[in-house]
Amino acid sequence: MPKSARGESMTRSFIFITEEGFTYQPKSVSQMPDVDNFQVLGFSQGQTEGKAFKNFLCENEWLGIMTFRKVSCYELKDRTCKEFLIPNSRVKKSP
């Protein structure tokens, strides 16, 4: 378990995702899912993955009524984000 400079256990940040489910592309008119990919279920913190998952479940009670079964956890070492655009996207432009 990571320790601070003073030897204390550090709280770590995690993202929880599942490969179950589907995502629709923006402005989709189809009733069928367009993309088979991962779903971000949420974020939580804890000293270990297990403690963060326990916190995640407590913080997101709505998961109890959902049908997701398998959840993956990844540690977020850095909360910075860099966004990119997909070139030549086929988005229809409004007149």
N, C-alpha and C. Protein backbone atom coordinates (compact mmCIF):
# COMPACT_ATOMS: atom_id res chain seq x y z
N MET A 1 0.84 -1.17 0.00
CA MET A 1 0.00 0.00 0.00
C MET A 1 0.90 1.24 0.00
N PRO A 2 0.64 2.22 -0.91
CA PRO A 2 1.47 3.41 -0.97
C PRO A 2 1.41 4.18 0.35
N LYS A 3 2.55 4.78 0.69
CA LYS A 3 2.65 5.56 1.93
C LYS A 3 3.08 6.98 1.59
N SER A 4 2.65 7.91 2.41
CA SER A 4 3.10 9.29 2.25
C SER A 4 4.52 9.40 2.78
N ALA A 5 5.11 10.58 2.65
CA ALA A 5 6.47 10.80 3.14
C ALA A 5 6.55 10.58 4.65
N ARG A 6 5.42 10.74 5.35
CA ARG A 6 5.40 10.54 6.80
C ARG A 6 5.02 9.11 7.18
N GLY A 7 4.89 8.24 6.18
CA GLY A 7 4.58 6.84 6.46
C GLY A 7 3.11 6.54 6.63
N GLU A 8 2.23 7.51 6.34
CA GLU A 8 0.79 7.30 6.47
C GLU A 8 0.26 6.68 5.18
N SER A 9 -0.80 5.87 5.31
CA SER A 9 -1.45 5.30 4.13
C SER A 9 -2.14 6.40 3.35
N MET A 10 -1.96 6.39 2.04
CA MET A 10 -2.54 7.42 1.19
C MET A 10 -3.87 6.96 0.60
N THR A 11 -4.79 7.91 0.45
CA THR A 11 -6.03 7.64 -0.25
C THR A 11 -5.76 7.73 -1.74
N ARG A 12 -6.24 6.74 -2.47
CA ARG A 12 -6.02 6.65 -3.91
C ARG A 12 -7.36 6.81 -4.63
N SER A 13 -7.32 7.29 -5.87
CA SER A 13 -8.52 7.50 -6.68
C SER A 13 -8.65 6.40 -7.72
N PHE A 14 -9.90 5.93 -7.94
CA PHE A 14 -10.16 4.85 -8.87
C PHE A 14 -11.37 5.18 -9.74
N ILE A 15 -11.37 4.61 -10.94
CA ILE A 15 -12.52 4.65 -11.83
C ILE A 15 -13.07 3.23 -11.92
N PHE A 16 -14.40 3.11 -11.94
CA PHE A 16 -15.05 1.80 -12.03
C PHE A 16 -15.82 1.74 -13.34
N ILE A 17 -15.53 0.70 -14.13
CA ILE A 17 -16.13 0.55 -15.45
C ILE A 17 -16.65 -0.86 -15.63
N THR A 18 -17.53 -1.03 -16.62
CA THR A 18 -18.01 -2.36 -16.98
C THR A 18 -18.05 -2.45 -18.50
N GLU A 19 -17.85 -3.66 -19.02
CA GLU A 19 -17.97 -3.86 -20.46
C GLU A 19 -19.38 -4.31 -20.82
N GLU A 20 -20.25 -4.39 -19.84
CA GLU A 20 -21.64 -4.76 -20.07
C GLU A 20 -22.41 -3.52 -20.52
N GLY A 21 -23.36 -3.70 -21.41
CA GLY A 21 -24.18 -2.58 -21.86
C GLY A 21 -23.72 -2.03 -23.19
N PHE A 22 -24.38 -0.96 -23.63
CA PHE A 22 -24.11 -0.34 -24.92
C PHE A 22 -24.13 1.18 -24.78
N THR A 23 -23.57 1.85 -25.78
CA THR A 23 -23.58 3.30 -25.85
C THR A 23 -24.14 3.70 -27.21
N TYR A 24 -24.87 4.81 -27.23
CA TYR A 24 -25.40 5.35 -28.48
C TYR A 24 -24.55 6.53 -28.91
N GLN A 25 -24.33 6.63 -30.23
CA GLN A 25 -23.56 7.76 -30.71
C GLN A 25 -24.41 9.03 -30.66
N PRO A 26 -23.77 10.20 -30.60
CA PRO A 26 -24.52 11.46 -30.51
C PRO A 26 -25.51 11.62 -31.66
N LYS A 27 -26.68 12.13 -31.34
CA LYS A 27 -27.75 12.43 -32.31
C LYS A 27 -28.23 11.20 -33.06
N SER A 28 -28.13 10.03 -32.43
CA SER A 28 -28.56 8.79 -33.06
C SER A 28 -30.09 8.74 -33.13
N VAL A 29 -30.63 8.27 -34.25
CA VAL A 29 -32.08 8.11 -34.39
C VAL A 29 -32.47 6.64 -34.38
N SER A 30 -31.50 5.77 -34.37
CA SER A 30 -31.74 4.33 -34.39
C SER A 30 -32.12 3.83 -33.00
N GLN A 31 -32.97 2.80 -32.93
CA GLN A 31 -33.33 2.16 -31.67
C GLN A 31 -32.27 1.15 -31.25
N MET A 32 -31.38 0.78 -32.16
CA MET A 32 -30.35 -0.21 -31.88
C MET A 32 -29.09 0.48 -31.35
N PRO A 33 -28.42 -0.15 -30.38
CA PRO A 33 -27.16 0.42 -29.90
C PRO A 33 -26.15 0.52 -31.03
N ASP A 34 -25.39 1.58 -31.01
CA ASP A 34 -24.42 1.81 -32.07
C ASP A 34 -23.02 1.32 -31.73
N VAL A 35 -22.64 1.38 -30.47
CA VAL A 35 -21.27 1.09 -30.09
C VAL A 35 -21.25 0.10 -28.92
N ASP A 36 -20.49 -0.95 -29.07
CA ASP A 36 -20.30 -1.92 -28.00
C ASP A 36 -18.98 -1.55 -27.32
N ASN A 37 -19.06 -0.99 -26.10
CA ASN A 37 -17.84 -0.53 -25.46
C ASN A 37 -17.98 -0.56 -23.94
N PHE A 38 -17.07 0.06 -23.23
CA PHE A 38 -17.09 0.12 -21.78
C PHE A 38 -18.00 1.25 -21.29
N GLN A 39 -18.63 1.04 -20.16
CA GLN A 39 -19.46 2.06 -19.52
C GLN A 39 -18.75 2.54 -18.26
N VAL A 40 -18.62 3.82 -18.08
CA VAL A 40 -18.09 4.35 -16.83
C VAL A 40 -19.22 4.37 -15.83
N LEU A 41 -19.04 3.65 -14.73
CA LEU A 41 -20.06 3.60 -13.69
C LEU A 41 -19.83 4.67 -12.63
N GLY A 42 -18.57 5.04 -12.41
CA GLY A 42 -18.31 6.09 -11.44
C GLY A 42 -16.89 6.07 -10.93
N PHE A 43 -16.67 6.88 -9.91
CA PHE A 43 -15.35 7.07 -9.32
C PHE A 43 -15.46 6.94 -7.81
N SER A 44 -14.36 6.57 -7.18
CA SER A 44 -14.33 6.52 -5.72
C SER A 44 -12.89 6.55 -5.24
N GLN A 45 -12.74 6.66 -3.93
CA GLN A 45 -11.41 6.70 -3.34
C GLN A 45 -11.30 5.69 -2.21
N GLY A 46 -10.08 5.26 -1.95
CA GLY A 46 -9.81 4.35 -0.86
C GLY A 46 -8.32 4.04 -0.81
N GLN A 47 -7.90 3.43 0.28
CA GLN A 47 -6.49 3.08 0.42
C GLN A 47 -6.13 1.88 -0.45
N THR A 48 -7.11 1.03 -0.76
CA THR A 48 -6.91 -0.13 -1.63
C THR A 48 -8.06 -0.18 -2.63
N GLU A 49 -7.92 -1.02 -3.65
CA GLU A 49 -8.99 -1.21 -4.62
C GLU A 49 -10.26 -1.70 -3.93
N GLY A 50 -10.11 -2.65 -3.00
CA GLY A 50 -11.25 -3.21 -2.30
C GLY A 50 -11.98 -2.19 -1.45
N LYS A 51 -11.23 -1.34 -0.75
CA LYS A 51 -11.87 -0.30 0.07
C LYS A 51 -12.54 0.74 -0.81
N ALA A 52 -11.91 1.06 -1.93
CA ALA A 52 -12.52 2.02 -2.85
C ALA A 52 -13.80 1.43 -3.44
N PHE A 53 -13.82 0.13 -3.75
CA PHE A 53 -15.03 -0.50 -4.28
C PHE A 53 -16.15 -0.49 -3.25
N LYS A 54 -15.81 -0.75 -2.01
CA LYS A 54 -16.81 -0.71 -0.94
C LYS A 54 -17.39 0.71 -0.83
N ASN A 55 -16.53 1.72 -0.87
CA ASN A 55 -16.99 3.10 -0.84
C ASN A 55 -17.86 3.41 -2.06
N PHE A 56 -17.43 2.91 -3.21
CA PHE A 56 -18.16 3.12 -4.46
C PHE A 56 -19.59 2.59 -4.36
N LEU A 57 -19.74 1.39 -3.80
CA LEU A 57 -21.08 0.81 -3.65
C LEU A 57 -21.93 1.62 -2.69
N CYS A 58 -21.35 2.09 -1.60
CA CYS A 58 -22.09 2.91 -0.62
C CYS A 58 -22.50 4.26 -1.21
N GLU A 59 -21.65 4.83 -2.05
CA GLU A 59 -21.90 6.14 -2.63
C GLU A 59 -22.86 6.08 -3.82
N ASN A 60 -23.10 4.89 -4.36
CA ASN A 60 -23.92 4.73 -5.56
C ASN A 60 -24.95 3.62 -5.35
N GLU A 61 -25.90 3.86 -4.48
CA GLU A 61 -26.90 2.84 -4.15
C GLU A 61 -27.73 2.42 -5.35
N TRP A 62 -27.82 3.26 -6.37
CA TRP A 62 -28.57 2.94 -7.58
C TRP A 62 -28.05 1.68 -8.27
N LEU A 63 -26.78 1.32 -8.02
CA LEU A 63 -26.22 0.11 -8.63
C LEU A 63 -26.97 -1.14 -8.19
N GLY A 64 -27.60 -1.09 -7.02
CA GLY A 64 -28.34 -2.25 -6.50
C GLY A 64 -29.55 -2.63 -7.34
N ILE A 65 -30.07 -1.68 -8.13
CA ILE A 65 -31.24 -1.99 -8.97
C ILE A 65 -30.86 -2.20 -10.43
N MET A 66 -29.57 -2.06 -10.74
CA MET A 66 -29.11 -2.25 -12.11
C MET A 66 -28.72 -3.71 -12.33
N THR A 67 -28.49 -4.08 -13.57
CA THR A 67 -28.15 -5.48 -13.88
C THR A 67 -26.66 -5.68 -14.15
N PHE A 68 -25.85 -4.67 -13.95
CA PHE A 68 -24.40 -4.84 -14.13
C PHE A 68 -23.89 -5.85 -13.12
N ARG A 69 -23.02 -6.76 -13.56
CA ARG A 69 -22.46 -7.78 -12.66
C ARG A 69 -20.96 -7.63 -12.49
N LYS A 70 -20.26 -7.50 -13.61
CA LYS A 70 -18.79 -7.46 -13.56
C LYS A 70 -18.30 -6.01 -13.69
N VAL A 71 -17.53 -5.58 -12.70
CA VAL A 71 -17.00 -4.22 -12.67
C VAL A 71 -15.48 -4.29 -12.61
N SER A 72 -14.82 -3.48 -13.42
CA SER A 72 -13.37 -3.39 -13.39
C SER A 72 -12.96 -2.08 -12.73
N CYS A 73 -11.82 -2.11 -12.06
CA CYS A 73 -11.34 -0.95 -11.32
C CYS A 73 -9.95 -0.59 -11.83
N TYR A 74 -9.73 0.70 -12.10
CA TYR A 74 -8.43 1.18 -12.53
C TYR A 74 -8.05 2.38 -11.67
N GLU A 75 -6.80 2.38 -11.23
CA GLU A 75 -6.35 3.50 -10.42
C GLU A 75 -6.06 4.69 -11.32
N LEU A 76 -6.46 5.86 -10.87
CA LEU A 76 -6.19 7.11 -11.57
C LEU A 76 -5.00 7.77 -10.89
N LYS A 77 -3.86 7.66 -11.50
CA LYS A 77 -2.64 8.23 -10.92
C LYS A 77 -2.63 9.74 -11.03
N ASP A 78 -3.29 10.27 -12.05
CA ASP A 78 -3.26 11.70 -12.31
C ASP A 78 -4.65 12.11 -12.78
N ARG A 79 -5.23 13.13 -12.21
CA ARG A 79 -6.58 13.54 -12.57
C ARG A 79 -6.61 14.54 -13.72
N THR A 80 -5.48 14.79 -14.37
CA THR A 80 -5.49 15.70 -15.50
C THR A 80 -6.07 15.00 -16.72
N CYS A 81 -6.63 15.78 -17.62
CA CYS A 81 -7.29 15.22 -18.80
C CYS A 81 -6.86 15.98 -20.04
N LYS A 82 -6.64 15.26 -21.10
CA LYS A 82 -6.36 15.86 -22.41
C LYS A 82 -7.42 15.36 -23.36
N GLU A 83 -8.14 16.29 -24.00
CA GLU A 83 -9.20 15.91 -24.93
C GLU A 83 -8.71 16.00 -26.37
N PHE A 84 -9.24 15.13 -27.20
CA PHE A 84 -8.90 15.08 -28.62
C PHE A 84 -10.18 15.06 -29.44
N LEU A 85 -10.12 15.52 -30.68
CA LEU A 85 -11.23 15.45 -31.61
C LEU A 85 -10.90 14.42 -32.69
N ILE A 86 -11.91 13.69 -33.12
CA ILE A 86 -11.72 12.72 -34.19
C ILE A 86 -11.80 13.49 -35.51
N PRO A 87 -10.74 13.45 -36.32
CA PRO A 87 -10.77 14.20 -37.58
C PRO A 87 -11.78 13.62 -38.57
N ASN A 88 -12.33 14.50 -39.40
CA ASN A 88 -13.26 14.10 -40.45
C ASN A 88 -14.48 13.37 -39.90
N SER A 89 -14.97 13.78 -38.74
CA SER A 89 -16.16 13.17 -38.17
C SER A 89 -17.33 13.39 -39.11
N ARG A 90 -18.22 12.40 -39.22
CA ARG A 90 -19.34 12.46 -40.15
C ARG A 90 -20.58 13.09 -39.51
N VAL A 91 -20.39 14.07 -38.66
CA VAL A 91 -21.51 14.74 -38.02
C VAL A 91 -22.17 15.64 -39.05
N LYS A 92 -23.51 15.53 -39.17
CA LYS A 92 -24.24 16.39 -40.10
C LYS A 92 -24.30 17.79 -39.53
N LYS A 93 -23.96 18.76 -40.35
CA LYS A 93 -24.00 20.15 -39.92
C LYS A 93 -25.39 20.71 -40.11
N SER A 94 -25.83 21.50 -39.13
CA SER A 94 -27.14 22.14 -39.22
C SER A 94 -27.14 23.19 -40.32
N PRO A 95 -28.27 23.34 -41.04
CA PRO A 95 -28.33 24.34 -42.13
C PRO A 95 -28.31 25.74 -41.58
